[in-house]
């Protein structure tokens, strides 16, 4: 809903906006990121990115980032 409302758009990204979604497990992160990219017609690793412990696929123009809870905790420390 946030993406469709304009959050994560190029204007928001210029101000530092990024939609972050957490999932407790790697498998959930990958499955959800793939599904959202498919549903929105976006490319995984480009507009929709993800990061788990040993794998990060984020493009410069990523507006949605899926990550595990541990990755989020590391980012805010």
Foldseek 3Di string as FASTA:
>chain_A
DCVVVPFLPPVNVVVPTAAEAEDADPVVQVVVQVVVCVVVVHDELEQEWEDEDPDTRHHPSHRYYYYYPVVVVVVVD
